[in-house]
Structures are given as structure tokens and as C-alpha cells.
Amino acid sequence: MSEKFTEGQVLQGKVTGVQPYGAFVALDDQVQGLVHISEVTHGFVKDINDHIKVGDEVNVKILSIDEAKNKYSLSIRATEEAPKQKAPRSNKPKQTYAPQQEEQGFNTLKDKLEEWLKQSGQNK
């Protein structure tokens, strides 16, 4: 393992390969790491090829180094400023439904049945 790289270090690398799950970036002639697709940019990445290609020079941050497996986990988005959040929605009160106090409107079947029985008795 190379002792010249440390976790948290930001440096420039060259993209050497692109796969659906991420991109391989060479940090020097002997060390290469993986930028997982979730670390390419802020937001959702559907197709990594829309954001990066072989030969691109990119700034990366070393997220972790696994000495035993000789693996470097890298991030491009950690070197970029996060996009600004959208302004919150207005604080207008939401319109709510207020039932009318009149007899009209929804009645249960039981209430309607009693009403119908009264009406039918008056008509006899």
C-alpha cells in the first residue's frame, strides 16, 4: 500500500474505467480507487455515463482506505459544493372542509330510514 495517501485527502485523478456501479480513478501510476455511482455528484444518477467518461480529470476525496484489500473508496461529490435547497413553500393556511350546519348533506342510512318512515306515515 502507498503511504502517501490518507483518508480525507483531496487530490486530482484520472478516470480509467466506467462501470454501471461507479468509476475507477487512478491517483498515481500504482494506486487506483473506486468512485461509487452515489458519490459521483449530488442528486440521483441514473446513468453514470451522463456525468463521467474515461480520460476525465476529476477532483476526488479519499473516503476510506482498506489496507488489507488494497481498496480506496473515493468521492467526487465530496469535493463539490452542495446545490442550494429550494425555497420553502409559502405559509398560506390550507383550505379545509367545513361541513354545513344545515340538514342537507350526508346522512347515515339509519337517519334517512327514520326520515323516510316518517314521510311515508304522513302520506297515508
Protein backbone atom coordinates (compact mmCIF):
# COMPACT_ATOMS: atom_id res chain seq x y z
CA MET A 1 0.00 0.00 0.00
CA SER A 2 1.06 3.53 -0.64
CA GLU A 3 1.58 5.58 2.48
CA LYS A 4 1.45 8.88 0.60
CA PHE A 5 -2.38 8.92 0.60
CA THR A 6 -4.57 9.46 3.66
CA GLU A 7 -8.30 9.39 4.34
CA GLY A 8 -9.86 12.82 3.85
CA GLN A 9 -7.21 13.90 1.37
CA VAL A 10 -8.44 15.73 -1.75
CA LEU A 11 -6.47 15.33 -4.96
CA GLN A 12 -6.79 15.09 -8.71
CA GLY A 13 -7.08 11.77 -10.52
CA LYS A 14 -7.81 10.41 -13.97
CA VAL A 15 -10.80 8.24 -14.81
CA THR A 16 -9.50 4.89 -16.11
CA GLY A 17 -12.74 2.94 -16.32
CA VAL A 18 -16.51 3.38 -16.03
CA GLN A 19 -18.96 0.70 -14.93
CA PRO A 20 -22.70 0.95 -14.18
CA TYR A 21 -21.90 0.96 -10.44
CA GLY A 22 -19.08 3.52 -10.45
CA ALA A 23 -15.86 4.83 -11.94
CA PHE A 24 -12.26 3.79 -11.39
CA VAL A 25 -9.88 6.70 -10.85
CA ALA A 26 -6.08 6.49 -10.93
CA LEU A 27 -4.50 8.55 -8.15
CA ASP A 28 -1.00 7.85 -9.47
CA ASP A 29 0.77 5.18 -11.56
CA GLN A 30 0.27 2.48 -8.91
CA VAL A 31 -2.88 3.41 -6.96
CA GLN A 32 -6.41 3.45 -8.23
CA GLY A 33 -9.72 3.76 -6.37
CA LEU A 34 -13.44 3.47 -6.97
CA VAL A 35 -15.95 6.32 -7.02
CA HIS A 36 -19.29 4.63 -6.33
CA ILE A 37 -22.17 5.91 -8.50
CA SER A 38 -23.72 7.54 -5.41
CA GLU A 39 -20.53 9.59 -4.95
CA VAL A 40 -20.32 10.97 -8.50
CA THR A 41 -22.47 14.07 -7.95
CA HIS A 42 -25.17 15.49 -5.70
CA GLY A 43 -28.60 14.11 -6.51
CA PHE A 44 -29.72 10.97 -8.28
CA VAL A 45 -27.53 9.49 -11.01
CA LYS A 46 -29.47 7.22 -13.37
CA ASP A 47 -26.67 6.70 -15.89
CA ILE A 48 -23.10 7.34 -14.76
CA ASN A 49 -22.04 7.88 -18.39
CA ASP A 50 -24.04 11.12 -18.39
CA HIS A 51 -21.64 12.52 -15.77
CA ILE A 52 -18.21 11.00 -16.33
CA LYS A 53 -16.13 9.29 -19.01
CA VAL A 54 -12.76 7.59 -19.36
CA GLY A 55 -9.94 10.13 -19.55
CA ASP A 56 -11.68 12.79 -17.45
CA GLU A 57 -9.50 14.58 -14.89
CA VAL A 58 -11.50 14.78 -11.67
CA ASN A 59 -11.03 16.02 -8.13
CA VAL A 60 -11.65 13.26 -5.59
CA LYS A 61 -11.68 12.94 -1.84
CA ILE A 62 -10.44 9.72 -0.26
CA LEU A 63 -13.31 8.44 1.90
CA SER A 64 -11.62 5.29 3.15
CA ILE A 65 -8.59 3.10 2.62
CA ASP A 66 -8.76 -0.65 3.19
CA GLU A 67 -5.11 -1.65 3.65
CA ALA A 68 -5.88 -5.38 3.76
CA LYS A 69 -7.78 -5.40 0.46
CA ASN A 70 -5.79 -2.57 -1.14
CA LYS A 71 -9.04 -0.67 -1.87
CA TYR A 72 -9.58 3.07 -2.00
CA SER A 73 -13.09 4.47 -1.71
CA LEU A 74 -13.33 7.86 -3.40
CA SER A 75 -15.88 10.64 -3.81
CA ILE A 76 -16.21 13.35 -6.42
CA ARG A 77 -19.29 14.95 -4.87
CA ALA A 78 -17.46 15.49 -1.57
CA THR A 79 -15.24 17.96 -3.44
CA GLU A 80 -18.21 19.93 -4.81
CA GLU A 81 -20.47 22.41 -3.10
CA ALA A 82 -23.95 21.04 -2.50
CA PRO A 83 -26.69 22.70 -4.57
CA LYS A 84 -28.83 25.21 -2.74
CA GLN A 85 -32.12 23.95 -1.37
CA LYS A 86 -35.33 25.20 -2.94
CA ALA A 87 -37.16 27.91 -1.02
CA PRO A 88 -39.75 26.50 1.37
CA ARG A 89 -43.37 26.68 0.33
CA SER A 90 -45.41 29.66 1.43
CA ASN A 91 -47.06 29.53 4.81
CA LYS A 92 -50.56 30.10 3.48
CA PRO A 93 -53.11 28.24 5.54
CA LYS A 94 -54.55 25.28 3.71
CA GLN A 95 -58.21 25.37 2.83
CA THR A 96 -60.14 22.94 4.95
CA TYR A 97 -63.56 21.47 4.51
CA ALA A 98 -66.14 22.87 6.93
CA PRO A 99 -69.40 20.91 6.94
CA GLN A 100 -72.56 22.95 6.69
CA GLN A 101 -74.83 23.09 9.70
CA GLU A 102 -77.96 22.56 7.62
CA GLU A 103 -79.92 19.34 7.49
CA GLN A 104 -78.86 18.81 3.89
CA GLY A 105 -75.82 16.81 3.05
CA PHE A 106 -74.65 13.39 4.12
CA ASN A 107 -76.86 11.43 6.49
CA THR A 108 -76.42 7.88 7.61
CA LEU A 109 -78.76 5.26 6.24
CA LYS A 110 -80.32 4.89 9.69
CA ASP A 111 -81.12 8.61 9.85
CA LYS A 112 -82.52 8.56 6.32
CA LEU A 113 -84.60 5.45 7.03
CA GLU A 114 -86.24 7.12 10.03
CA GLU A 115 -86.92 10.20 7.91
CA TRP A 116 -88.42 8.07 5.11
CA LEU A 117 -90.62 6.15 7.55
CA LYS A 118 -91.97 9.43 8.95
CA GLN A 119 -92.61 10.74 5.45
CA SER A 120 -94.37 7.57 4.38
CA GLY A 121 -96.54 7.63 7.51
CA GLN A 122 -97.59 11.19 6.86
CA ASN A 123 -98.59 10.39 3.29
CA LYS A 124 -101.05 7.61 4.30
